[in-house]
Amino acid sequence: MTPPVKYLKEVAKQGKKVRWPSRETLWPSIAVVICIALFCAIFLALEDLTAQSIIQQLEAAFGA
């Protein structure tokens, strides 16, 4: 097993080799992630409301 100090030094060395994106390429990516997250949040909220409505109707119909 690699000692923790050596491991962290190797992680830092590899981190310096990474080619980080520029601001021009980063902002469109951030926009896409935010749009997908909002779409998923809205979809799940609507799905939850629909399921809640169906459960309430079933409870009313079968007297649970």
PDB file of N, CA and C in Angstrom:
ATOM      1  N   MET A   1       0.847  -1.181   0.000  1.00  0.00           N
ATOM      2  CA  MET A   1       0.000   0.000   0.000  1.00  0.00           C
ATOM      3  C   MET A   1       0.895   1.247   0.000  1.00  0.00           C
ATOM      4  N   THR A   2       0.505   2.250  -0.777  1.00  0.00           N
ATOM      5  CA  THR A   2       1.279   3.477  -0.893  1.00  0.00           C
ATOM      6  C   THR A   2       1.086   4.348   0.345  1.00  0.00           C
ATOM      7  N   PRO A   3       2.186   4.877   0.889  1.00  0.00           N
ATOM      8  CA  PRO A   3       2.048   5.781   2.036  1.00  0.00           C
ATOM      9  C   PRO A   3       1.238   7.029   1.652  1.00  0.00           C
ATOM     10  N   PRO A   4       0.445   7.563   2.572  1.00  0.00           N
ATOM     11  CA  PRO A   4      -0.423   8.703   2.256  1.00  0.00           C
ATOM     12  C   PRO A   4       0.324   9.925   1.723  1.00  0.00           C
ATOM     13  N   VAL A   5       1.503  10.228   2.266  1.00  0.00           N
ATOM     14  CA  VAL A   5       2.239  11.416   1.824  1.00  0.00           C
ATOM     15  C   VAL A   5       2.681  11.249   0.377  1.00  0.00           C
ATOM     16  N   LYS A   6       3.180  10.071   0.028  1.00  0.00           N
ATOM     17  CA  LYS A   6       3.607   9.811  -1.350  1.00  0.00           C
ATOM     18  C   LYS A   6       2.406   9.883  -2.296  1.00  0.00           C
ATOM     19  N   TYR A   7       1.303   9.304  -1.857  1.00  0.00           N
ATOM     20  CA  TYR A   7       0.083   9.335  -2.672  1.00  0.00           C
ATOM     21  C   TYR A   7      -0.346  10.774  -2.968  1.00  0.00           C
ATOM     22  N   LEU A   8      -0.361  11.628  -1.951  1.00  0.00           N
ATOM     23  CA  LEU A   8      -0.777  13.016  -2.135  1.00  0.00           C
ATOM     24  C   LEU A   8       0.194  13.771  -3.038  1.00  0.00           C
ATOM     25  N   LYS A   9       1.490  13.475  -2.940  1.00  0.00           N
ATOM     26  CA  LYS A   9       2.466  14.114  -3.830  1.00  0.00           C
ATOM     27  C   LYS A   9       2.217  13.705  -5.278  1.00  0.00           C
ATOM     28  N   GLU A  10       1.901  12.430  -5.503  1.00  0.00           N
ATOM     29  CA  GLU A  10       1.611  11.963  -6.854  1.00  0.00           C
ATOM     30  C   GLU A  10       0.319  12.570  -7.383  1.00  0.00           C
ATOM     31  N   VAL A  11      -0.672  12.732  -6.517  1.00  0.00           N
ATOM     32  CA  VAL A  11      -1.928  13.373  -6.928  1.00  0.00           C
ATOM     33  C   VAL A  11      -1.654  14.815  -7.352  1.00  0.00           C
ATOM     34  N   ALA A  12      -0.836  15.532  -6.586  1.00  0.00           N
ATOM     35  CA  ALA A  12      -0.507  16.916  -6.929  1.00  0.00           C
ATOM     36  C   ALA A  12       0.256  16.973  -8.250  1.00  0.00           C
ATOM     37  N   LYS A  13       1.167  16.035  -8.466  1.00  0.00           N
ATOM     38  CA  LYS A  13       1.933  15.995  -9.714  1.00  0.00           C
ATOM     39  C   LYS A  13       1.006  15.757 -10.913  1.00  0.00           C
ATOM     40  N   GLN A  14       0.068  14.834 -10.768  1.00  0.00           N
ATOM     41  CA  GLN A  14      -0.881  14.558 -11.849  1.00  0.00           C
ATOM     42  C   GLN A  14      -1.831  15.734 -12.070  1.00  0.00           C
ATOM     43  N   GLY A  15      -2.198  16.428 -11.000  1.00  0.00           N
ATOM     44  CA  GLY A  15      -3.075  17.595 -11.121  1.00  0.00           C
ATOM     45  C   GLY A  15      -2.445  18.702 -11.932  1.00  0.00           C
ATOM     46  N   LYS A  16      -1.118  18.804 -11.875  1.00  0.00           N
ATOM     47  CA  LYS A  16      -0.435  19.832 -12.662  1.00  0.00           C
ATOM     48  C   LYS A  16      -0.398  19.481 -14.143  1.00  0.00           C
ATOM     49  N   LYS A  17      -0.550  18.198 -14.475  1.00  0.00           N
ATOM     50  CA  LYS A  17      -0.540  17.763 -15.872  1.00  0.00           C
ATOM     51  C   LYS A  17      -1.886  17.964 -16.563  1.00  0.00           C
ATOM     52  N   VAL A  18      -2.932  18.187 -15.785  1.00  0.00           N
ATOM     53  CA  VAL A  18      -4.278  18.319 -16.338  1.00  0.00           C
ATOM     54  C   VAL A  18      -4.373  19.596 -17.154  1.00  0.00           C
ATOM     55  N   ARG A  19      -5.012  19.489 -18.312  1.00  0.00           N
ATOM     56  CA  ARG A  19      -5.247  20.668 -19.159  1.00  0.00           C
ATOM     57  C   ARG A  19      -6.638  21.199 -18.803  1.00  0.00           C
ATOM     58  N   TRP A  20      -6.663  22.245 -17.992  1.00  0.00           N
ATOM     59  CA  TRP A  20      -7.923  22.796 -17.517  1.00  0.00           C
ATOM     60  C   TRP A  20      -8.574  23.620 -18.618  1.00  0.00           C
ATOM     61  N   PRO A  21      -9.916  23.630 -18.686  1.00  0.00           N
ATOM     62  CA  PRO A  21     -10.604  24.388 -19.742  1.00  0.00           C
ATOM     63  C   PRO A  21     -10.487  25.893 -19.515  1.00  0.00           C
ATOM     64  N   SER A  22     -10.566  26.625 -20.625  1.00  0.00           N
ATOM     65  CA  SER A  22     -10.551  28.085 -20.529  1.00  0.00           C
ATOM     66  C   SER A  22     -11.947  28.574 -20.158  1.00  0.00           C
ATOM     67  N   ARG A  23     -12.037  29.839 -19.820  1.00  0.00           N
ATOM     68  CA  ARG A  23     -13.349  30.400 -19.463  1.00  0.00           C
ATOM     69  C   ARG A  23     -14.312  30.344 -20.639  1.00  0.00           C
ATOM     70  N   GLU A  24     -13.789  30.513 -21.851  1.00  0.00           N
ATOM     71  CA  GLU A  24     -14.647  30.503 -23.037  1.00  0.00           C
ATOM     72  C   GLU A  24     -15.301  29.138 -23.244  1.00  0.00           C
ATOM     73  N   THR A  25     -14.598  28.075 -22.911  1.00  0.00           N
ATOM     74  CA  THR A  25     -15.190  26.744 -23.069  1.00  0.00           C
ATOM     75  C   THR A  25     -15.927  26.295 -21.815  1.00  0.00           C
ATOM     76  N   LEU A  26     -15.619  26.900 -20.693  1.00  0.00           N
ATOM     77  CA  LEU A  26     -16.232  26.479 -19.438  1.00  0.00           C
ATOM     78  C   LEU A  26     -17.672  26.969 -19.300  1.00  0.00           C
ATOM     79  N   TRP A  27     -17.946  28.226 -19.671  1.00  0.00           N
ATOM     80  CA  TRP A  27     -19.283  28.797 -19.466  1.00  0.00           C
ATOM     81  C   TRP A  27     -20.377  28.064 -20.236  1.00  0.00           C
ATOM     82  N   PRO A  28     -20.182  27.686 -21.509  1.00  0.00           N
ATOM     83  CA  PRO A  28     -21.245  26.901 -22.168  1.00  0.00           C
ATOM     84  C   PRO A  28     -21.499  25.562 -21.479  1.00  0.00           C
ATOM     85  N   SER A  29     -20.452  24.949 -20.981  1.00  0.00           N
ATOM     86  CA  SER A  29     -20.618  23.677 -20.280  1.00  0.00           C
ATOM     87  C   SER A  29     -21.425  23.868 -18.995  1.00  0.00           C
ATOM     88  N   ILE A  30     -21.143  24.934 -18.284  1.00  0.00           N
ATOM     89  CA  ILE A  30     -21.884  25.236 -17.055  1.00  0.00           C
ATOM     90  C   ILE A  30     -23.360  25.481 -17.388  1.00  0.00           C
ATOM     91  N   ALA A  31     -23.610  26.194 -18.480  1.00  0.00           N
ATOM     92  CA  ALA A  31     -24.990  26.471 -18.887  1.00  0.00           C
ATOM     93  C   ALA A  31     -25.738  25.181 -19.207  1.00  0.00           C
ATOM     94  N   VAL A  32     -25.078  24.256 -19.871  1.00  0.00           N
ATOM     95  CA  VAL A  32     -25.713  22.975 -20.199  1.00  0.00           C
ATOM     96  C   VAL A  32     -26.038  22.204 -18.926  1.00  0.00           C
ATOM     97  N   VAL A  33     -25.119  22.164 -17.990  1.00  0.00           N
ATOM     98  CA  VAL A  33     -25.346  21.448 -16.734  1.00  0.00           C
ATOM     99  C   VAL A  33     -26.512  22.065 -15.967  1.00  0.00           C
ATOM    100  N   ILE A  34     -26.573  23.386 -15.914  1.00  0.00           N
ATOM    101  CA  ILE A  34     -27.673  24.057 -15.207  1.00  0.00           C
ATOM    102  C   ILE A  34     -29.005  23.774 -15.889  1.00  0.00           C
ATOM    103  N   CYS A  35     -29.039  23.819 -17.215  1.00  0.00           N
ATOM    104  CA  CYS A  35     -30.287  23.548 -17.941  1.00  0.00           C
ATOM    105  C   CYS A  35     -30.761  22.115 -17.706  1.00  0.00           C
ATOM    106  N   ILE A  36     -29.844  21.162 -17.758  1.00  0.00           N
ATOM    107  CA  ILE A  36     -30.225  19.765 -17.523  1.00  0.00           C
ATOM    108  C   ILE A  36     -30.717  19.579 -16.091  1.00  0.00           C
ATOM    109  N   ALA A  37     -30.043  20.211 -15.129  1.00  0.00           N
ATOM    110  CA  ALA A  37     -30.460  20.093 -13.730  1.00  0.00           C
ATOM    111  C   ALA A  37     -31.852  20.693 -13.527  1.00  0.00           C
ATOM    112  N   LEU A  38     -32.125  21.841 -14.134  1.00  0.00           N
ATOM    113  CA  LEU A  38     -33.453  22.453 -14.020  1.00  0.00           C
ATOM    114  C   LEU A  38     -34.516  21.585 -14.663  1.00  0.00           C
ATOM    115  N   PHE A  39     -34.218  21.033 -15.840  1.00  0.00           N
ATOM    116  CA  PHE A  39     -35.167  20.151 -16.519  1.00  0.00           C
ATOM    117  C   PHE A  39     -35.490  18.945 -15.640  1.00  0.00           C
ATOM    118  N   CYS A  40     -34.455  18.328 -15.067  1.00  0.00           N
ATOM    119  CA  CYS A  40     -34.669  17.164 -14.202  1.00  0.00           C
ATOM    120  C   CYS A  40     -35.470  17.535 -12.964  1.00  0.00           C
ATOM    121  N   ALA A  41     -35.178  18.688 -12.369  1.00  0.00           N
ATOM    122  CA  ALA A  41     -35.909  19.119 -11.178  1.00  0.00           C
ATOM    123  C   ALA A  41     -37.385  19.333 -11.492  1.00  0.00           C
ATOM    124  N   ILE A  42     -37.675  19.989 -12.606  1.00  0.00           N
ATOM    125  CA  ILE A  42     -39.070  20.235 -12.994  1.00  0.00           C
ATOM    126  C   ILE A  42     -39.771  18.915 -13.309  1.00  0.00           C
ATOM    127  N   PHE A  43     -39.089  18.041 -14.051  1.00  0.00           N
ATOM    128  CA  PHE A  43     -39.676  16.748 -14.398  1.00  0.00           C
ATOM    129  C   PHE A  43     -40.006  15.938 -13.147  1.00  0.00           C
ATOM    130  N   LEU A  44     -39.063  15.868 -12.213  1.00  0.00           N
ATOM    131  CA  LEU A  44     -39.302  15.093 -10.990  1.00  0.00           C
ATOM    132  C   LEU A  44     -40.387  15.715 -10.121  1.00  0.00           C
ATOM    133  N   ALA A  45     -40.476  17.036 -10.095  1.00  0.00           N
ATOM    134  CA  ALA A  45     -41.534  17.690  -9.331  1.00  0.00           C
ATOM    135  C   ALA A  45     -42.904  17.365  -9.931  1.00  0.00           C
ATOM    136  N   LEU A  46     -43.008  17.417 -11.256  1.00  0.00           N
ATOM    137  CA  LEU A  46     -44.279  17.081 -11.906  1.00  0.00           C
ATOM    138  C   LEU A  46     -44.633  15.609 -11.707  1.00  0.00           C
ATOM    139  N   GLU A  47     -43.627  14.750 -11.783  1.00  0.00           N
ATOM    140  CA  GLU A  47     -43.865  13.332 -11.556  1.00  0.00           C
ATOM    141  C   GLU A  47     -44.339  13.085 -10.123  1.00  0.00           C
ATOM    142  N   ASP A  48     -43.763  13.786  -9.177  1.00  0.00           N
ATOM    143  CA  ASP A  48     -44.148  13.640  -7.776  1.00  0.00           C
ATOM    144  C   ASP A  48     -45.587  14.111  -7.561  1.00  0.00           C
ATOM    145  N   LEU A  49     -45.928  15.249  -8.158  1.00  0.00           N
ATOM    146  CA  LEU A  49     -47.298  15.753  -8.023  1.00  0.00           C
ATOM    147  C   LEU A  49     -48.307  14.798  -8.649  1.00  0.00           C
ATOM    148  N   THR A  50     -47.951  14.217  -9.792  1.00  0.00           N
ATOM    149  CA  THR A  50     -48.840  13.263 -10.453  1.00  0.00           C
ATOM    150  C   THR A  50     -49.028  12.020  -9.587  1.00  0.00           C
ATOM    151  N   ALA A  51     -47.938  11.499  -9.055  1.00  0.00           N
ATOM    152  CA  ALA A  51     -48.028  10.312  -8.198  1.00  0.00           C
ATOM    153  C   ALA A  51     -48.851  10.611  -6.948  1.00  0.00           C
ATOM    154  N   GLN A  52     -48.664  11.788  -6.375  1.00  0.00           N
ATOM    155  CA  GLN A  52     -49.430  12.173  -5.189  1.00  0.00           C
ATOM    156  C   GLN A  52     -50.917  12.232  -5.510  1.00  0.00           C
ATOM    157  N   SER A  53     -51.249  12.778  -6.650  1.00  0.00           N
ATOM    158  CA  SER A  53     -52.654  12.867  -7.057  1.00  0.00           C
ATOM    159  C   SER A  53     -53.253  11.479  -7.259  1.00  0.00           C
ATOM    160  N   ILE A  54     -52.508  10.601  -7.895  1.00  0.00           N
ATOM    161  CA  ILE A  54     -53.005   9.242  -8.129  1.00  0.00           C
ATOM    162  C   ILE A  54     -53.209   8.514  -6.800  1.00  0.00           C
ATOM    163  N   ILE A  55     -52.280   8.659  -5.888  1.00  0.00           N
ATOM    164  CA  ILE A  55     -52.399   8.000  -4.584  1.00  0.00           C
ATOM    165  C   ILE A  55     -53.600   8.539  -3.819  1.00  0.00           C
ATOM    166  N   GLN A  56     -53.835   9.844  -3.865  1.00  0.00           N
ATOM    167  CA  GLN A  56     -54.994  10.421  -3.186  1.00  0.00           C
ATOM    168  C   GLN A  56     -56.291   9.907  -3.788  1.00  0.00           C
ATOM    169  N   GLN A  57     -56.347   9.766  -5.108  1.00  0.00           N
ATOM    170  CA  GLN A  57     -57.551   9.248  -5.753  1.00  0.00           C
ATOM    171  C   GLN A  57     -57.788   7.783  -5.387  1.00  0.00           C
ATOM    172  N   LEU A  58     -56.716   7.013  -5.314  1.00  0.00           N
ATOM    173  CA  LEU A  58     -56.853   5.601  -4.912  1.00  0.00           C
ATOM    174  C   LEU A  58     -57.314   5.490  -3.471  1.00  0.00           C
ATOM    175  N   GLU A  59     -56.777   6.322  -2.591  1.00  0.00           N
ATOM    176  CA  GLU A  59     -57.204   6.313  -1.196  1.00  0.00           C
ATOM    177  C   GLU A  59     -58.670   6.695  -1.061  1.00  0.00           C
ATOM    178  N   ALA A  60     -59.102   7.673  -1.849  1.00  0.00           N
ATOM    179  CA  ALA A  60     -60.503   8.094  -1.802  1.00  0.00           C
ATOM    180  C   ALA A  60     -61.410   6.989  -2.351  1.00  0.00           C
ATOM    181  N   ALA A  61     -60.956   6.293  -3.379  1.00  0.00           N
ATOM    182  CA  ALA A  61     -61.774   5.265  -3.996  1.00  0.00           C
ATOM    183  C   ALA A  61     -61.885   4.015  -3.115  1.00  0.00           C
ATOM    184  N   PHE A  62     -60.804   3.663  -2.448  1.00  0.00           N
ATOM    185  CA  PHE A  62     -60.797   2.422  -1.676  1.00  0.00           C
ATOM    186  C   PHE A  62     -60.850   2.642  -0.176  1.00  0.00           C
ATOM    187  N   GLY A  63     -60.974   3.886   0.264  1.00  0.00           N
ATOM    188  CA  GLY A  63     -61.162   4.202   1.660  1.00  0.00           C
ATOM    189  C   GLY A  63     -60.028   3.789   2.577  1.00  0.00           C
ATOM    190  N   ALA A  64     -58.841   4.013   2.154  1.00  0.00           N
ATOM    191  CA  ALA A  64     -57.703   3.617   2.979  1.00  0.00           C
ATOM    192  C   ALA A  64     -57.403   4.653   4.024  1.00  0.00           C
TER     193      ALA A  64
END
